[in-house]
Amino acid sequence: NLRYNLHPRWYLNSEIHIRRANGFSNWQQFVARPSVHFVLSKYADFSVGYSYILSYPYGNQPIPLTTPEHNIWEQAILAHKMGKVGFKHRYRFEQRFQGVRKQDGEGIYSIDGFELAERFRYRLTLIVPVALEGRWFVSLFDEVFVRQSNFVPSAFDQNWAYLGVGFKLNTRGTIKLGYLDAFIRKSDGVHFEHNPTVQFSIGYKLGKLPESVN
């Protein structure tokens, strides 16, 4: 996660996600996610972004071939504190242009265009400082994903639950290590998958540091 501060109220952010399955032996997903953010106050952050996603065949019900997705999204993060504990509420609307998998007469799959799907995500995050004036902290979140049609919820999609520990290297750099439990409804709408994941992340900020909920 790399962030570049343009102005006290504006910054650019980029994320790269490398997700592996079966230990590190197989690809699960690759995500590149740039975004532009406006900081209304240290308690409110609004952004628009784009995600390029490649999903690979993995798990007990694998998709038949690697499938691309172009994902445009709008997001708001609202923050507050109770004592020393920080709370973040993240709301994200996604317009997902997903690759359509088509099978020919010989059983060979290919991508035949894209179709639009909508999704809403809500994440509640708690940040609990534990040592060295908050440089060591515990982070936990739960995020629910809901499929939509014309902005109306239609079906459950995923749920992520996370618990981890983080360390602030300085005012710009942070590292985190945690456990993510992902419960996923597969694209066929029938099968479900449970993905226990070890997650390691690095974040760094460039440019002048504005007030921010991040």
Protein backbone atom coordinates (compact mmCIF):
# COMPACT_ATOMS: atom_id res chain seq x y z
CA ASN A 1 0.00 0.00 0.00
CA LEU A 2 1.64 3.24 -1.16
CA ARG A 3 0.16 6.68 -0.56
CA TYR A 4 1.24 10.03 -2.00
CA ASN A 5 -0.07 13.21 -0.35
CA LEU A 6 -0.75 15.95 -2.89
CA HIS A 7 -2.32 18.51 -0.57
CA PRO A 8 -3.58 18.64 3.04
CA ARG A 9 -6.95 17.40 1.75
CA TRP A 10 -6.01 15.32 -1.31
CA TYR A 11 -3.92 12.20 -1.77
CA LEU A 12 -3.37 9.31 -4.17
CA ASN A 13 -3.31 5.73 -2.99
CA SER A 14 -2.24 2.49 -4.64
CA GLU A 15 -2.60 -1.09 -3.45
CA ILE A 16 -1.13 -4.31 -4.79
CA HIS A 17 -2.56 -7.59 -3.46
CA ILE A 18 -0.81 -10.89 -4.13
CA ARG A 19 -3.03 -13.70 -2.90
CA ARG A 20 -1.79 -17.28 -2.96
CA ALA A 21 -3.50 -20.61 -2.25
CA ASN A 22 -2.24 -23.98 -0.96
CA GLY A 23 0.50 -22.28 1.01
CA PHE A 24 2.33 -20.26 -1.65
CA SER A 25 2.22 -22.88 -4.41
CA ASN A 26 -0.77 -21.59 -6.43
CA TRP A 27 -2.21 -18.26 -7.46
CA GLN A 28 -5.55 -17.27 -5.95
CA GLN A 29 -5.93 -13.63 -6.98
CA PHE A 30 -3.99 -10.57 -8.10
CA VAL A 31 -5.36 -7.07 -7.43
CA ALA A 32 -4.05 -3.62 -8.48
CA ARG A 33 -6.09 -0.79 -6.94
CA PRO A 34 -5.31 2.93 -7.51
CA SER A 35 -7.57 5.60 -5.98
CA VAL A 36 -7.99 9.35 -5.37
CA HIS A 37 -9.00 10.56 -1.90
CA PHE A 38 -10.46 13.74 -0.42
CA VAL A 39 -10.01 14.27 3.32
CA LEU A 40 -12.91 16.31 4.69
CA SER A 41 -11.52 16.03 8.22
CA LYS A 42 -9.50 13.54 10.24
CA TYR A 43 -12.82 11.75 10.77
CA ALA A 44 -14.04 11.59 7.15
CA ASP A 45 -12.34 10.36 3.95
CA PHE A 46 -14.07 10.10 0.55
CA SER A 47 -12.59 8.41 -2.51
CA VAL A 48 -13.11 6.96 -5.97
CA GLY A 49 -10.98 4.19 -7.37
CA TYR A 50 -10.43 1.40 -9.84
CA SER A 51 -9.43 -2.24 -9.26
CA TYR A 52 -7.95 -4.57 -11.83
CA ILE A 53 -8.52 -8.12 -10.60
CA LEU A 54 -7.35 -11.48 -11.93
CA SER A 55 -9.02 -14.48 -10.28
CA TYR A 56 -7.37 -17.87 -10.73
CA PRO A 57 -8.72 -21.43 -10.48
CA TYR A 58 -8.23 -22.69 -6.89
CA GLY A 59 -10.05 -24.44 -4.05
CA ASN A 60 -12.62 -27.21 -4.04
CA GLN A 61 -14.85 -25.59 -6.68
CA PRO A 62 -12.36 -23.86 -9.00
CA ILE A 63 -13.42 -21.60 -11.83
CA PRO A 64 -12.53 -23.11 -15.24
CA LEU A 65 -9.99 -20.45 -16.23
CA THR A 66 -8.30 -17.26 -15.04
CA THR A 67 -10.91 -14.48 -15.15
CA PRO A 68 -10.35 -10.69 -15.29
CA GLU A 69 -12.46 -8.00 -13.66
CA HIS A 70 -12.50 -4.21 -14.05
CA ASN A 71 -13.96 -2.73 -10.88
CA ILE A 72 -14.93 0.94 -10.41
CA TRP A 73 -15.84 1.99 -6.88
CA GLU A 74 -16.90 4.87 -4.63
CA GLN A 75 -16.03 4.87 -0.94
CA ALA A 76 -16.52 6.73 2.35
CA ILE A 77 -14.62 6.13 5.59
CA LEU A 78 -16.00 7.63 8.79
CA ALA A 79 -13.96 7.42 11.99
CA HIS A 80 -14.37 8.07 15.70
CA LYS A 81 -12.86 7.06 19.03
CA MET A 82 -14.10 5.60 22.29
CA GLY A 83 -11.35 6.13 24.83
CA LYS A 84 -8.14 4.94 23.19
CA VAL A 85 -9.88 2.60 20.76
CA GLY A 86 -10.26 3.86 17.19
CA PHE A 87 -13.27 2.88 15.04
CA LYS A 88 -13.54 3.10 11.26
CA HIS A 89 -16.70 2.53 9.22
CA ARG A 90 -15.92 1.90 5.55
CA TYR A 91 -18.71 1.97 2.94
CA ARG A 92 -17.87 0.95 -0.63
CA PHE A 93 -20.09 0.69 -3.73
CA GLU A 94 -18.62 -1.35 -6.59
CA GLN A 95 -19.50 -1.53 -10.28
CA ARG A 96 -17.89 -4.80 -11.37
CA PHE A 97 -17.24 -5.53 -15.05
CA GLN A 98 -16.55 -9.25 -14.83
CA GLY A 99 -15.19 -11.46 -17.58
CA VAL A 100 -17.83 -13.82 -19.01
CA ARG A 101 -16.62 -17.42 -19.26
CA LYS A 102 -17.85 -19.20 -22.39
CA GLN A 103 -17.45 -22.89 -23.24
CA ASP A 104 -17.17 -24.03 -26.86
CA GLY A 105 -18.28 -27.32 -28.39
CA GLU A 106 -15.02 -29.01 -27.43
CA GLY A 107 -15.33 -28.02 -23.79
CA ILE A 108 -12.68 -25.28 -24.02
CA TYR A 109 -13.36 -22.14 -21.97
CA SER A 110 -12.53 -18.57 -23.00
CA ILE A 111 -13.45 -15.04 -21.93
CA ASP A 112 -16.24 -13.65 -24.11
CA GLY A 113 -16.74 -10.00 -23.15
CA PHE A 114 -17.74 -8.53 -19.79
CA GLU A 115 -20.96 -8.15 -17.81
CA LEU A 116 -21.84 -5.64 -15.11
CA ALA A 117 -22.57 -6.63 -11.52
CA GLU A 118 -23.04 -4.38 -8.47
CA ARG A 119 -21.82 -4.96 -4.94
CA PHE A 120 -21.87 -3.11 -1.60
CA ARG A 121 -19.24 -3.61 1.10
CA TYR A 122 -19.30 -2.47 4.73
CA ARG A 123 -16.27 -2.87 7.00
CA LEU A 124 -16.08 -2.08 10.72
CA THR A 125 -12.47 -1.80 11.95
CA LEU A 126 -11.21 -1.43 15.52
CA ILE A 127 -7.67 -0.23 16.26
CA VAL A 128 -6.49 -0.89 19.82
CA PRO A 129 -3.12 0.61 20.91
CA VAL A 130 -1.20 -1.80 23.14
CA ALA A 131 2.38 -0.57 23.67
CA LEU A 132 4.93 2.19 22.99
CA GLU A 133 2.30 4.94 22.89
CA GLY A 134 0.34 3.14 20.20
CA ARG A 135 3.21 2.15 17.92
CA TRP A 136 2.21 -1.45 18.63
CA PHE A 137 -1.49 -2.00 18.05
CA VAL A 138 -4.10 -4.69 17.52
CA SER A 139 -6.35 -4.40 14.47
CA LEU A 140 -9.58 -6.30 13.95
CA PHE A 141 -12.35 -5.95 11.42
CA ASP A 142 -15.41 -7.60 9.98
CA GLU A 143 -16.53 -6.89 6.44
CA VAL A 144 -19.73 -8.01 4.74
CA PHE A 145 -20.15 -8.06 0.94
CA VAL A 146 -23.68 -7.88 -0.52
CA ARG A 147 -24.63 -8.32 -4.17
CA GLN A 148 -26.92 -5.60 -5.54
CA SER A 149 -29.19 -4.87 -8.46
CA ASN A 150 -29.91 -1.19 -9.18
CA PHE A 151 -28.50 -0.38 -5.71
CA VAL A 152 -30.97 -2.77 -4.04
CA PRO A 153 -29.41 -5.64 -2.00
CA SER A 154 -30.10 -8.99 -3.65
CA ALA A 155 -27.87 -11.68 -2.11
CA PHE A 156 -25.05 -12.39 0.32
CA ASP A 157 -21.63 -12.52 -1.38
CA GLN A 158 -18.80 -12.75 1.19
CA ASN A 159 -17.81 -12.11 4.80
CA TRP A 160 -14.28 -11.38 5.99
CA ALA A 161 -13.19 -11.46 9.64
CA TYR A 162 -9.66 -10.32 10.54
CA LEU A 163 -7.45 -10.16 13.64
CA GLY A 164 -3.88 -8.91 13.48
CA VAL A 165 -1.08 -6.98 15.12
CA GLY A 166 0.64 -3.94 13.65
CA PHE A 167 3.69 -1.77 14.27
CA LYS A 168 4.18 1.86 13.23
CA LEU A 169 7.76 2.13 12.01
CA ASN A 170 7.45 5.94 12.04
CA THR A 171 4.87 8.54 10.97
CA ARG A 172 5.01 7.17 7.41
CA GLY A 173 5.47 3.41 7.55
CA THR A 174 3.36 0.61 9.05
CA ILE A 175 3.57 -3.18 8.93
CA LYS A 176 0.81 -5.64 9.89
CA LEU A 177 0.52 -9.38 10.27
CA GLY A 178 -2.80 -11.10 10.88
CA TYR A 179 -5.28 -13.88 10.23
CA LEU A 180 -8.16 -13.40 7.79
CA ASP A 181 -11.13 -15.76 7.70
CA ALA A 182 -12.99 -15.40 4.39
CA PHE A 183 -16.38 -17.03 3.81
CA ILE A 184 -17.25 -16.75 0.11
CA ARG A 185 -20.27 -17.51 -2.02
CA LYS A 186 -18.96 -18.80 -5.34
CA SER A 187 -19.92 -17.20 -8.65
CA ASP A 188 -22.40 -19.99 -9.43
CA GLY A 189 -24.51 -18.78 -6.47
CA VAL A 190 -24.78 -22.32 -5.10
CA HIS A 191 -21.44 -23.33 -3.61
CA PHE A 192 -19.66 -21.68 -0.68
CA GLU A 193 -15.98 -21.66 0.22
CA HIS A 194 -14.10 -21.05 3.46
CA ASN A 195 -10.61 -19.53 3.06
CA PRO A 196 -8.36 -19.20 6.15
CA THR A 197 -5.57 -16.77 5.22
CA VAL A 198 -2.37 -15.41 6.78
CA GLN A 199 -2.07 -11.77 5.72
CA PHE A 200 1.05 -9.59 5.72
CA SER A 201 0.89 -5.95 4.65
CA ILE A 202 3.19 -2.95 4.36
CA GLY A 203 1.99 0.65 4.10
CA TYR A 204 4.02 3.78 3.36
CA LYS A 205 3.14 7.47 2.91
CA LEU A 206 4.95 9.96 0.67
CA GLY A 207 4.64 13.74 0.54
CA LYS A 208 3.38 16.14 3.21
CA LEU A 209 1.26 14.39 5.83
CA PRO A 210 -2.32 15.76 6.14
CA GLU A 211 -4.84 14.86 8.79
CA SER A 212 -6.56 11.66 7.77
CA VAL A 213 -8.65 8.79 9.08
CA ASN A 214 -5.99 6.45 7.63
